Amino acid sequence: MDKIYDVIIIGSGPAGLAAALYAGRAELDTIIIEKAPMSGGQIINTYEVDNYPGIPGISGFELGTKFREHCDRMDMKFITGEVINFRVEDGLKIITLDNDTVYKSKTAIIATGANPRKLGVKGEERLAGMGVSYCATCDGAFFRNKVTAVIGGGDVAVEDAIFLARLCKKVYVIHRRDEFRAARSYINKLVSMENVEIIWDSVVDEIAGKEQVENITVKNLKTANSTELPVDGVFIAVGNIPNSSVYKTAIEADPSGYLIAGESCETNIPGVFAAGDVRTKELRQIITAASDGANSITGVEKYLNTL
């Protein structure tokens, strides 16, 4: 007879690792499936984390390592593999990996995260973490009294620009259209800030610098003229892509692909939870992902008690 776990956690970023820790403390029969060979999720690529309480200035790699070490102290079982199929049959959650291994569980926590949408321009990948950022609230403090650029025109981009304008000497906002898609209240606040310059109808063609961002090349889409702007940091806010494609056929998702779940992390399927950046939520940060992991295990325990 196939083994049936109490819970399978898919993903080993902050949400998945926090869920694993709480599952271990609850003595649940658990496995954690991670796609990458190293735990930690996106934070391991973050040069410095300055907003996680109690350990300011820690590197993302070190924080991710600490999360994993804490789970290892609980003797949690990790399996490396990519989930290619997820389905529910007679209440059981059935998960198939890319090596055709199949795992079954009474409950499942989807903690697969989301990846920032990239611009795909020259210099972006090379300077990621060295002036190129996808999270103003994570990294903005490192650019106090410096010159930054925000790329995008939605709510997140405008909010990021407002946040940065309170810290930075100057903020450029570069948008490919001639009007923002953000809420009017955000726009009104942004345009009232004296150290913000909006560059309409334009895109960034290149991000340049030797060891840190030094300048960007901005192209006007109407005139085709290019301008080089000296900046210390570039904040890209053109959306995120949730890692939910395998699960959307079984779990209800919003139009952007985020799995629909509230603060309890419960999805529309009993016994299936979505935690961290992959779920619908207002704030996507390390601390909120870890909170989701804890909340999801509380939900798992409640569900198991009904069986």
Protein backbone atom coordinates (compact mmCIF):
# COMPACT_ATOMS: atom_id res chain seq x y z
CA MET A 1 0.00 0.00 0.00
CA ASP A 2 1.30 3.45 -0.90
CA LYS A 3 2.38 5.61 1.99
CA ILE A 4 0.02 8.47 2.75
CA TYR A 5 1.57 11.51 4.47
CA ASP A 6 -0.23 13.90 6.76
CA VAL A 7 1.01 16.85 4.72
CA ILE A 8 3.16 17.49 1.69
CA ILE A 9 4.72 20.94 1.43
CA ILE A 10 5.64 22.03 -2.09
CA GLY A 11 8.29 24.73 -2.09
CA SER A 12 11.14 25.58 0.27
CA GLY A 13 11.17 29.35 0.42
CA PRO A 14 10.26 31.16 3.65
CA ALA A 15 6.62 30.00 3.48
CA GLY A 16 7.47 26.36 2.87
CA LEU A 17 10.26 26.29 5.45
CA ALA A 18 8.10 27.94 8.11
CA ALA A 19 5.36 25.41 7.35
CA ALA A 20 7.91 22.60 7.64
CA LEU A 21 9.08 23.87 11.02
CA TYR A 22 5.54 24.08 12.36
CA ALA A 23 4.70 20.68 10.90
CA GLY A 24 7.68 19.20 12.67
CA ARG A 25 6.68 20.75 15.98
CA ALA A 26 3.16 19.36 15.46
CA GLU A 27 4.69 15.90 14.80
CA LEU A 28 2.95 15.60 11.45
CA ASP A 29 4.21 13.00 8.97
CA THR A 30 5.63 15.42 6.40
CA ILE A 31 7.76 15.73 3.30
CA ILE A 32 8.93 18.94 1.63
CA ILE A 33 9.37 18.93 -2.13
CA GLU A 34 11.78 21.56 -3.44
CA LYS A 35 12.52 22.25 -7.08
CA ALA A 36 15.93 23.85 -6.52
CA PRO A 37 18.86 21.95 -4.99
CA MET A 38 19.14 24.61 -2.27
CA SER A 39 16.41 25.77 0.10
CA GLY A 40 15.52 29.40 0.66
CA GLY A 41 13.66 30.44 -2.46
CA GLN A 42 14.30 33.88 -3.93
CA ILE A 43 15.89 35.25 -0.76
CA ILE A 44 19.13 33.34 -1.33
CA ASN A 45 19.77 35.71 -4.27
CA THR A 46 19.23 38.83 -2.13
CA TYR A 47 22.44 40.55 -1.17
CA GLU A 48 21.16 41.95 2.13
CA VAL A 49 17.90 41.68 4.10
CA ASP A 50 17.30 44.63 6.37
CA ASN A 51 13.61 44.28 7.23
CA TYR A 52 13.39 40.88 8.93
CA PRO A 53 12.92 41.57 12.66
CA GLY A 54 15.83 40.95 14.97
CA ILE A 55 18.56 40.26 12.41
CA PRO A 56 19.12 43.46 10.39
CA GLY A 57 21.69 43.35 7.63
CA ILE A 58 21.74 39.58 7.27
CA SER A 59 22.39 38.32 3.74
CA GLY A 60 19.55 36.55 1.99
CA PHE A 61 21.73 33.48 1.56
CA GLU A 62 22.46 33.33 5.29
CA LEU A 63 18.83 33.84 6.25
CA GLY A 64 17.69 31.09 3.90
CA THR A 65 20.38 28.81 5.30
CA LYS A 66 19.22 29.52 8.86
CA PHE A 67 15.64 28.68 7.93
CA ARG A 68 16.76 25.36 6.47
CA GLU A 69 19.05 24.55 9.41
CA HIS A 70 16.16 25.09 11.80
CA CYS A 71 14.09 22.56 9.83
CA ASP A 72 17.00 20.11 9.79
CA ARG A 73 17.07 20.25 13.59
CA MET A 74 13.51 18.89 13.42
CA ASP A 75 14.70 16.07 11.10
CA MET A 76 12.31 17.15 8.35
CA LYS A 77 12.48 15.15 5.13
CA PHE A 78 13.33 17.09 1.94
CA ILE A 79 12.98 15.73 -1.59
CA THR A 80 14.36 17.46 -4.68
CA GLY A 81 12.16 17.37 -7.74
CA GLU A 82 9.78 19.35 -9.90
CA VAL A 83 6.04 18.81 -9.55
CA ILE A 84 4.50 18.18 -12.97
CA ASN A 85 1.02 17.12 -11.89
CA PHE A 86 -1.26 17.81 -8.94
CA ARG A 87 -4.67 16.28 -8.51
CA VAL A 88 -7.16 15.32 -5.81
CA GLU A 89 -8.85 11.91 -5.79
CA ASP A 90 -11.25 10.80 -3.07
CA GLY A 91 -9.84 13.47 -0.78
CA LEU A 92 -6.22 12.41 -1.30
CA LYS A 93 -3.74 14.90 -2.70
CA ILE A 94 -1.67 13.16 -5.38
CA ILE A 95 1.57 14.75 -6.53
CA THR A 96 3.69 13.54 -9.45
CA LEU A 97 7.31 14.61 -9.88
CA ASP A 98 9.34 14.93 -13.08
CA ASN A 99 10.98 11.56 -12.38
CA ASP A 100 7.48 9.97 -12.34
CA THR A 101 7.58 9.42 -8.56
CA VAL A 102 4.12 9.78 -7.05
CA TYR A 103 3.42 10.96 -3.51
CA LYS A 104 0.09 10.91 -1.68
CA SER A 105 -1.04 12.98 1.26
CA LYS A 106 -4.10 13.90 3.28
CA THR A 107 -3.26 17.59 2.90
CA ALA A 108 -1.00 19.78 0.77
CA ILE A 109 0.54 23.22 1.11
CA ILE A 110 1.43 24.98 -2.13
CA ALA A 111 4.30 27.37 -1.35
CA THR A 112 5.87 27.70 -4.78
CA GLY A 113 6.24 31.50 -4.74
CA ALA A 114 6.24 33.97 -7.61
CA ASN A 115 8.98 35.37 -9.78
CA PRO A 116 9.26 39.05 -10.73
CA ARG A 117 8.53 39.75 -14.35
CA LYS A 118 11.79 40.77 -16.01
CA LEU A 119 12.38 43.55 -18.50
CA GLY A 120 14.69 41.33 -20.50
CA VAL A 121 17.16 44.13 -21.26
CA LYS A 122 20.94 44.15 -21.40
CA GLY A 123 22.56 44.39 -17.97
CA GLU A 124 19.47 43.39 -16.00
CA GLU A 125 20.59 39.90 -15.06
CA ARG A 126 24.24 40.82 -14.52
CA LEU A 127 23.42 43.68 -12.14
CA ALA A 128 20.60 41.95 -10.26
CA GLY A 129 21.25 42.55 -6.57
CA MET A 130 23.86 45.17 -7.45
CA GLY A 131 21.49 48.05 -7.99
CA VAL A 132 18.77 46.18 -9.87
CA SER A 133 15.91 45.30 -7.54
CA TYR A 134 12.36 44.04 -7.83
CA CYS A 135 11.27 45.10 -4.33
CA ALA A 136 11.44 48.73 -3.16
CA THR A 137 10.29 47.96 0.38
CA CYS A 138 13.01 45.31 0.64
CA ASP A 139 15.92 47.28 -0.78
CA GLY A 140 14.94 50.94 -0.82
CA ALA A 141 16.72 51.81 2.41
CA PHE A 142 20.06 51.04 0.76
CA PHE A 143 19.51 53.95 -1.65
CA ARG A 144 18.90 56.71 0.87
CA ASN A 145 19.92 60.10 -0.58
CA LYS A 146 20.76 58.49 -3.93
CA VAL A 147 19.20 58.63 -7.41
CA THR A 148 16.90 55.79 -8.44
CA ALA A 149 14.56 54.86 -11.27
CA VAL A 150 11.28 52.96 -11.07
CA ILE A 151 10.09 51.10 -14.16
CA GLY A 152 6.34 50.53 -14.49
CA GLY A 153 2.98 52.26 -14.29
CA GLY A 154 0.67 50.21 -12.10
CA ASP A 155 -0.16 50.44 -8.40
CA VAL A 156 3.04 48.72 -7.31
CA ALA A 157 5.28 50.94 -9.43
CA VAL A 158 3.63 54.14 -8.22
CA GLU A 159 3.66 52.98 -4.60
CA ASP A 160 7.33 52.04 -4.96
CA ALA A 161 8.13 55.47 -6.38
CA ILE A 162 6.33 57.21 -3.50
CA PHE A 163 8.20 55.06 -0.99
CA LEU A 164 11.55 55.76 -2.63
CA ALA A 165 10.87 59.49 -2.97
CA ARG A 166 10.78 59.74 0.82
CA LEU A 167 14.31 58.30 0.96
CA CYS A 168 16.06 59.21 -2.24
CA LYS A 169 17.49 62.45 -3.57
CA LYS A 170 15.68 61.92 -6.87
CA VAL A 171 13.38 59.32 -8.38
CA TYR A 172 12.70 58.84 -12.08
CA VAL A 173 9.52 56.99 -13.00
CA ILE A 174 9.69 55.48 -16.47
CA HIS A 175 6.45 54.29 -18.06
CA ARG A 176 5.83 53.04 -21.56
CA ARG A 177 2.45 54.78 -21.80
CA ASP A 178 1.29 58.36 -21.34
CA GLU A 179 -0.77 57.71 -18.22
CA PHE A 180 -0.56 55.50 -15.14
CA ARG A 181 -2.80 52.53 -14.49
CA ALA A 182 -2.55 53.07 -10.73
CA ALA A 183 -5.24 54.30 -8.36
CA ARG A 184 -5.91 58.04 -8.62
CA SER A 185 -4.99 58.61 -4.95
CA TYR A 186 -1.53 57.15 -5.56
CA ILE A 187 -1.04 59.19 -8.72
CA ASN A 188 -2.02 62.43 -6.98
CA LYS A 189 0.48 61.75 -4.23
CA LEU A 190 3.25 60.90 -6.66
CA VAL A 191 2.90 63.97 -8.87
CA SER A 192 2.94 66.21 -5.79
CA MET A 193 6.43 65.06 -4.79
CA GLU A 194 9.10 67.54 -5.88
CA ASN A 195 11.94 65.03 -6.25
CA VAL A 196 10.02 62.80 -8.70
CA GLU A 197 10.41 63.12 -12.46
CA ILE A 198 8.05 61.13 -14.69
CA ILE A 199 9.29 60.04 -18.10
CA TRP A 200 6.30 59.09 -20.27
CA ASP A 201 6.11 56.94 -23.41
CA SER A 202 9.51 55.44 -22.70
CA VAL A 203 11.25 52.17 -22.02
CA VAL A 204 14.64 51.16 -20.61
CA ASP A 205 16.86 49.63 -23.28
CA GLU A 206 19.93 48.95 -21.15
CA ILE A 207 21.12 48.97 -17.54
CA ALA A 208 24.85 49.63 -17.27
CA GLY A 209 27.62 49.71 -14.68
CA LYS A 210 30.80 47.87 -13.80
CA GLU A 211 30.14 46.39 -10.36
CA GLN A 212 27.04 48.44 -9.50
CA VAL A 213 24.34 50.16 -11.52
CA GLU A 214 25.69 53.44 -12.86
CA ASN A 215 23.26 54.48 -15.60
CA ILE A 216 20.35 53.45 -17.77
CA THR A 217 19.51 54.08 -21.42
CA VAL A 218 15.94 55.32 -21.86
CA LYS A 219 14.24 55.28 -25.27
CA ASN A 220 11.22 57.40 -26.13
CA LEU A 221 8.77 55.21 -28.05
CA LYS A 222 7.29 58.12 -30.00
CA THR A 223 10.47 59.88 -31.10
CA ALA A 224 12.89 56.90 -30.93
CA ASN A 225 15.38 59.20 -29.19
CA SER A 226 17.56 57.64 -26.49
CA THR A 227 18.86 59.31 -23.35
CA GLU A 228 21.40 58.09 -20.81
CA LEU A 229 20.45 58.78 -17.19
CA PRO A 230 22.91 58.38 -14.29
CA VAL A 231 21.23 56.39 -11.50
CA ASP A 232 22.36 54.37 -8.50
CA GLY A 233 19.48 51.92 -8.50
CA VAL A 234 16.75 50.54 -10.76
CA PHE A 235 13.50 49.20 -9.31
CA ILE A 236 11.56 47.07 -11.76
CA ALA A 237 7.83 46.88 -11.06
CA VAL A 238 6.21 45.43 -14.14
CA GLY A 239 4.41 42.60 -12.36
CA ASN A 240 5.07 39.13 -10.98
CA ILE A 241 4.44 35.68 -12.36
CA PRO A 242 3.11 33.23 -9.74
CA ASN A 243 4.46 29.70 -9.97
CA SER A 244 0.99 28.23 -10.12
CA SER A 245 0.58 26.75 -13.60
CA VAL A 246 0.58 23.15 -12.38
CA TYR A 247 -2.10 23.85 -9.76
CA LYS A 248 -4.55 26.18 -11.50
CA THR A 249 -6.46 23.31 -13.10
CA ALA A 250 -7.39 22.00 -9.65
CA ILE A 251 -7.30 25.13 -7.46
CA GLU A 252 -9.21 28.35 -8.01
CA ALA A 253 -6.94 31.23 -9.10
CA ASP A 254 -7.44 34.91 -9.87
CA PRO A 255 -6.94 36.32 -13.39
CA SER A 256 -3.24 36.90 -12.71
CA GLY A 257 -2.72 33.26 -11.71
CA TYR A 258 -2.43 33.71 -7.94
CA LEU A 259 -4.10 30.91 -5.99
CA ILE A 260 -7.11 32.32 -4.16
CA ALA A 261 -6.69 31.98 -0.40
CA GLY A 262 -7.23 34.31 2.55
CA GLU A 263 -5.22 34.78 5.73
CA SER A 264 -6.02 31.20 6.77
CA CYS A 265 -4.36 30.08 3.51
CA GLU A 266 -7.28 27.77 2.72
CA THR A 267 -8.08 27.31 -0.97
CA ASN A 268 -11.38 26.18 -2.49
CA ILE A 269 -10.26 22.55 -2.09
CA PRO A 270 -10.57 21.10 1.43
CA GLY A 271 -7.16 20.19 2.78
CA VAL A 272 -5.23 22.23 0.22
CA PHE A 273 -3.53 25.45 1.31
CA ALA A 274 -1.64 28.17 -0.54
CA ALA A 275 1.11 30.00 1.35
CA GLY A 276 3.49 32.82 0.54
CA ASP A 277 3.84 34.73 -2.71
CA VAL A 278 1.79 32.26 -4.75
CA ARG A 279 -1.46 33.23 -3.01
CA THR A 280 -3.65 36.30 -3.28
CA LYS A 281 -2.46 38.85 -0.72
CA GLU A 282 -1.64 42.51 -0.19
CA LEU A 283 1.99 42.27 0.92
CA ARG A 284 4.58 39.81 -0.35
CA GLN A 285 7.55 39.85 2.05
CA ILE A 286 9.65 37.28 3.89
CA ILE A 287 7.80 37.91 7.13
CA THR A 288 4.34 37.49 5.58
CA ALA A 289 5.44 34.32 3.79
CA ALA A 290 6.68 32.84 7.07
CA SER A 291 3.39 33.83 8.69
CA ASP A 292 1.51 32.02 5.93
CA GLY A 293 3.53 28.90 6.59
CA ALA A 294 2.50 28.91 10.24
CA ASN A 295 -1.14 29.66 9.45
CA SER A 296 -1.33 26.90 6.87
CA ILE A 297 -0.18 24.26 9.36
CA THR A 298 -2.86 25.44 11.79
CA GLY A 299 -5.35 24.84 8.98
CA VAL A 300 -3.84 21.44 8.23
CA GLU A 301 -4.25 20.36 11.85
CA LYS A 302 -7.86 21.50 11.92
CA TYR A 303 -8.58 19.63 8.70
CA LEU A 304 -6.91 16.43 9.89
CA ASN A 305 -9.02 16.54 13.04
CA THR A 306 -12.14 16.28 10.89
CA LEU A 307 -11.05 13.05 9.20
